Amino acid sequence: MNGIPIKNLAISLVLIVATVAGVMLKPAELVAEQGPKIDLETLIPKQFESWQVDSSIMPLQASPDQEEAIKNIYSQILTRTYINSLGQRIMLSIVYGDGFDRQLDVHRPEYCYAAQGFEVSQYTDQIIRTLFGDLSVRRLVASKSLRIEPISYWVKIGDKALSSTFERKLQRIKQNLTGQVGSGMLIRVSSIDNNKDLAYKEQEDFINAMLKAMPDVQRRKLIGDKQSALSDVKDMK
């Protein structure tokens, strides 16, 4: 087993045991079916503070074959570009699956941007301080030719908003042990900007404005019930 990190091996073994136990002890229950259905089109406001939808520009779109595969995986997809009174633009993309087993990781920017020829780098997990608690996000930069696109995103599994692979694995263990399959949502905001620090600041302002404009019940569907700081455990690739 030379070359295999002990922590990765331990997590993998626990995942296998938890999956088997979850299947044997209790049939999977789709949590999304227990409450009102999510409609991304109405969940996210089209206008808030000085931001409004700019229909002239769309976020990065998948290739036709990727788009078909995505539609088969996810229940809903929302893509919009917003512009504010200063002329700043933020691209928003959300994918939603009504079961965690729909492989939400497929749409992570690390993979979907790279699949379209982008170089993806400068990964970092950070905390966004919102009016409603700390939000764990992953940040990275996708570049292709003259296009440089700083990206912030988080994944919401069940009632938890997560960013690191380690956190998602722990949430999967929890769901397997309880026999419940939670819904999954990936929320991505990005902008075209050579200055990633400035871009991240604008993205943070956008996220805060969007969350502030949403009713509490709808906001929890996007960021979960309670946010907490990132674990001290290093992200496991």
Protein backbone atom coordinates (compact mmCIF):
# COMPACT_ATOMS: atom_id res chain seq x y z
CA MET A 1 0.00 0.00 0.00
CA ASN A 2 2.99 2.25 -0.50
CA GLY A 3 2.01 5.72 -1.69
CA ILE A 4 -1.57 5.57 -0.35
CA PRO A 5 -2.11 8.18 2.40
CA ILE A 6 -3.31 6.57 5.63
CA LYS A 7 -6.13 9.14 6.02
CA ASN A 8 -7.42 8.47 2.50
CA LEU A 9 -7.36 4.73 3.13
CA ALA A 10 -9.17 5.11 6.44
CA ILE A 11 -11.90 7.28 4.93
CA SER A 12 -12.34 4.88 2.02
CA LEU A 13 -12.73 1.91 4.36
CA VAL A 14 -15.26 3.76 6.52
CA LEU A 15 -17.21 4.77 3.40
CA ILE A 16 -17.40 1.15 2.25
CA VAL A 17 -18.53 -0.07 5.66
CA ALA A 18 -21.08 2.73 6.01
CA THR A 19 -22.49 2.11 2.54
CA VAL A 20 -22.91 -1.60 3.16
CA ALA A 21 -24.42 -0.98 6.58
CA GLY A 22 -26.82 1.62 5.22
CA VAL A 23 -28.06 -0.72 2.51
CA MET A 24 -28.40 -3.71 4.85
CA LEU A 25 -29.96 -1.97 7.81
CA LYS A 26 -32.35 0.45 6.15
CA PRO A 27 -33.57 1.12 2.61
CA ALA A 28 -32.61 4.54 1.26
CA GLU A 29 -35.19 7.21 1.85
CA LEU A 30 -35.22 10.18 -0.47
CA VAL A 31 -35.23 13.20 1.83
CA ALA A 32 -36.20 15.57 -1.00
CA GLU A 33 -39.56 13.83 -1.27
CA GLN A 34 -40.45 14.73 2.33
CA GLY A 35 -40.85 18.47 1.76
CA PRO A 36 -41.92 21.00 -0.87
CA LYS A 37 -40.25 20.62 -4.25
CA ILE A 38 -37.47 23.04 -5.09
CA ASP A 39 -37.89 25.28 -8.15
CA LEU A 40 -34.60 27.01 -8.88
CA GLU A 41 -36.23 29.48 -11.27
CA THR A 42 -38.36 30.95 -8.49
CA LEU A 43 -35.98 30.18 -5.61
CA ILE A 44 -33.33 32.68 -6.79
CA PRO A 45 -34.55 36.29 -7.17
CA LYS A 46 -33.94 37.90 -10.53
CA GLN A 47 -33.37 41.32 -8.99
CA PHE A 48 -31.94 42.40 -5.63
CA GLU A 49 -30.26 45.59 -4.46
CA SER A 50 -28.60 46.98 -7.63
CA TRP A 51 -28.26 43.55 -9.26
CA GLN A 52 -30.51 42.39 -12.08
CA VAL A 53 -30.41 39.65 -14.71
CA ASP A 54 -28.40 40.45 -17.84
CA SER A 55 -29.77 38.20 -20.56
CA SER A 56 -27.12 39.32 -23.09
CA ILE A 57 -24.40 37.16 -21.50
CA MET A 58 -24.67 33.57 -20.31
CA PRO A 59 -22.31 31.66 -17.98
CA LEU A 60 -20.04 29.01 -19.46
CA GLN A 61 -22.19 26.38 -21.18
CA ALA A 62 -21.34 22.71 -21.49
CA SER A 63 -20.78 21.12 -24.88
CA PRO A 64 -23.87 19.45 -26.43
CA ASP A 65 -22.83 15.95 -25.32
CA GLN A 66 -21.96 17.17 -21.83
CA GLU A 67 -25.24 19.07 -21.65
CA GLU A 68 -27.20 15.93 -22.47
CA ALA A 69 -25.30 13.97 -19.80
CA ILE A 70 -25.90 16.74 -17.24
CA LYS A 71 -29.64 16.72 -17.93
CA ASN A 72 -29.69 12.98 -17.28
CA ILE A 73 -27.89 13.45 -13.95
CA TYR A 74 -29.53 16.52 -12.44
CA SER A 75 -33.14 17.38 -11.72
CA GLN A 76 -32.74 21.12 -12.39
CA ILE A 77 -30.15 23.51 -13.80
CA LEU A 78 -30.15 27.32 -13.50
CA THR A 79 -27.70 29.62 -15.29
CA ARG A 80 -27.88 33.41 -15.15
CA THR A 81 -25.66 36.47 -15.49
CA TYR A 82 -26.31 39.47 -13.24
CA ILE A 83 -25.17 43.05 -13.70
CA ASN A 84 -25.21 45.83 -11.12
CA SER A 85 -25.39 49.63 -11.31
CA LEU A 86 -21.58 49.81 -11.57
CA GLY A 87 -21.54 47.58 -14.63
CA GLN A 88 -20.00 44.63 -12.74
CA ARG A 89 -21.13 41.20 -13.93
CA ILE A 90 -21.43 38.00 -11.93
CA MET A 91 -22.32 34.64 -13.48
CA LEU A 92 -24.44 32.27 -11.40
CA SER A 93 -24.84 28.56 -12.08
CA ILE A 94 -26.79 26.11 -9.89
CA VAL A 95 -27.38 22.41 -10.41
CA TYR A 96 -29.76 20.42 -8.22
CA GLY A 97 -30.17 16.68 -7.82
CA ASP A 98 -32.98 15.22 -5.72
CA GLY A 99 -30.72 12.40 -4.53
CA PHE A 100 -27.10 12.46 -3.37
CA ASP A 101 -26.45 9.38 -5.47
CA ARG A 102 -26.81 11.51 -8.60
CA GLN A 103 -23.07 12.17 -8.43
CA LEU A 104 -23.10 15.91 -7.82
CA ASP A 105 -19.30 15.96 -8.01
CA VAL A 106 -19.55 15.60 -11.80
CA HIS A 107 -20.38 19.29 -12.12
CA ARG A 108 -17.61 20.60 -9.87
CA PRO A 109 -15.70 23.39 -11.68
CA GLU A 110 -12.44 21.46 -11.29
CA TYR A 111 -13.83 18.92 -13.73
CA CYS A 112 -16.33 20.67 -15.98
CA TYR A 113 -14.01 23.60 -16.82
CA ALA A 114 -11.04 21.31 -17.42
CA ALA A 115 -13.21 19.18 -19.73
CA GLN A 116 -13.70 22.27 -21.92
CA GLY A 117 -10.03 23.08 -22.26
CA PHE A 118 -9.55 25.44 -19.33
CA GLU A 119 -6.52 25.35 -17.08
CA VAL A 120 -7.81 25.21 -13.51
CA SER A 121 -5.50 26.29 -10.68
CA GLN A 122 -5.09 28.26 -7.44
CA TYR A 123 -7.40 26.10 -5.35
CA THR A 124 -8.21 27.34 -1.87
CA ASP A 125 -10.95 26.69 0.70
CA GLN A 126 -12.12 29.84 2.45
CA ILE A 127 -14.85 31.24 4.67
CA ILE A 128 -17.32 33.87 3.50
CA ARG A 129 -18.74 35.86 6.40
CA THR A 130 -22.43 36.35 5.68
CA LEU A 131 -25.19 37.96 7.72
CA PHE A 132 -26.51 34.45 8.27
CA GLY A 133 -23.36 32.68 9.42
CA ASP A 134 -20.10 31.45 7.96
CA LEU A 135 -20.24 29.88 4.51
CA SER A 136 -17.49 27.46 3.45
CA VAL A 137 -16.56 27.95 -0.21
CA ARG A 138 -13.92 26.62 -2.57
CA ARG A 139 -12.16 29.13 -4.78
CA LEU A 140 -10.15 28.54 -7.93
CA VAL A 141 -9.21 30.22 -11.20
CA ALA A 142 -10.07 28.88 -14.66
CA SER A 143 -8.13 30.32 -17.59
CA LYS A 144 -8.24 29.81 -21.33
CA SER A 145 -6.45 32.09 -23.76
CA LEU A 146 -7.28 35.67 -22.65
CA ARG A 147 -10.23 34.61 -20.48
CA ILE A 148 -9.45 34.47 -16.76
CA GLU A 149 -12.39 33.45 -14.58
CA PRO A 150 -12.09 33.40 -10.77
CA ILE A 151 -14.71 31.05 -9.32
CA SER A 152 -16.30 30.55 -5.90
CA TYR A 153 -18.59 27.60 -5.22
CA TRP A 154 -20.07 25.42 -2.52
CA VAL A 155 -21.98 22.16 -2.41
CA LYS A 156 -25.08 21.72 -0.27
CA ILE A 157 -25.85 18.13 0.70
CA GLY A 158 -29.04 17.67 2.69
CA ASP A 159 -29.01 20.56 5.20
CA LYS A 160 -25.25 21.16 5.11
CA ALA A 161 -23.27 23.55 2.89
CA LEU A 162 -19.79 22.15 2.32
CA SER A 163 -16.70 22.92 0.26
CA SER A 164 -13.98 20.35 0.93
CA THR A 165 -13.89 16.79 -0.31
CA PHE A 166 -13.33 15.61 3.27
CA GLU A 167 -16.51 17.30 4.49
CA ARG A 168 -18.56 15.79 1.67
CA LYS A 169 -17.21 12.33 2.43
CA LEU A 170 -18.19 12.68 6.08
CA GLN A 171 -21.68 13.81 5.07
CA ARG A 172 -21.97 10.78 2.78
CA ILE A 173 -21.03 8.50 5.69
CA LYS A 174 -23.72 10.10 7.82
CA GLN A 175 -26.36 9.64 5.11
CA ASN A 176 -25.38 6.04 4.49
CA LEU A 177 -25.63 5.24 8.19
CA THR A 178 -29.07 6.84 8.52
CA GLY A 179 -30.34 5.27 5.31
CA GLN A 180 -31.46 8.66 3.97
CA VAL A 181 -30.46 10.08 0.61
CA GLY A 182 -30.32 13.86 0.83
CA SER A 183 -30.72 16.24 -2.07
CA GLY A 184 -27.60 17.81 -3.53
CA MET A 185 -27.00 21.30 -4.90
CA LEU A 186 -23.89 22.96 -6.32
CA ILE A 187 -23.87 26.75 -6.36
CA ARG A 188 -21.21 28.49 -8.46
CA VAL A 189 -20.53 32.22 -8.88
CA SER A 190 -17.81 33.52 -11.17
CA SER A 191 -16.67 36.58 -13.09
CA ILE A 192 -14.26 37.48 -15.87
CA ASP A 193 -11.46 39.39 -14.17
CA ASN A 194 -7.66 39.38 -14.24
CA ASN A 195 -7.64 40.49 -10.59
CA LYS A 196 -8.83 37.45 -8.64
CA ASP A 197 -8.78 39.22 -5.26
CA LEU A 198 -11.07 41.96 -6.55
CA ALA A 199 -13.26 39.35 -8.25
CA TYR A 200 -13.64 37.34 -5.03
CA LYS A 201 -14.60 40.51 -3.14
CA GLU A 202 -17.30 41.32 -5.72
CA GLN A 203 -18.53 37.73 -5.62
CA GLU A 204 -18.76 37.86 -1.84
CA ASP A 205 -20.79 41.09 -2.04
CA PHE A 206 -23.06 39.45 -4.63
CA ILE A 207 -23.63 36.36 -2.50
CA ASN A 208 -24.45 38.46 0.55
CA ALA A 209 -26.89 40.62 -1.41
CA MET A 210 -28.60 37.55 -2.88
CA LEU A 211 -28.93 35.81 0.49
CA LYS A 212 -30.23 38.97 2.14
CA ALA A 213 -32.97 39.28 -0.50
CA MET A 214 -34.24 35.73 0.05
CA PRO A 215 -36.87 34.72 2.64
CA ASP A 216 -35.45 32.60 5.45
CA VAL A 217 -37.01 29.34 4.24
CA GLN A 218 -35.67 29.79 0.72
CA ARG A 219 -32.27 30.92 1.94
CA ARG A 220 -31.82 27.74 3.99
CA LYS A 221 -32.36 25.72 0.81
CA LEU A 222 -29.27 27.42 -0.59
CA ILE A 223 -26.87 27.50 2.36
CA GLY A 224 -28.30 25.04 4.87
CA ASP A 225 -29.61 25.48 8.38
CA LYS A 226 -26.38 26.50 10.07
CA GLN A 227 -22.96 27.39 8.78
CA SER A 228 -19.71 26.69 10.58
CA ALA A 229 -16.02 27.27 9.96
CA LEU A 230 -14.05 24.83 7.86
CA SER A 231 -12.60 21.80 9.61
CA ASP A 232 -8.92 21.97 10.51
CA VAL A 233 -8.52 18.68 8.68
CA LYS A 234 -6.81 19.26 5.32
CA ASP A 235 -8.86 18.78 2.18
CA MET A 236 -8.43 15.28 0.75
CA LYS A 237 -8.09 15.27 -3.01
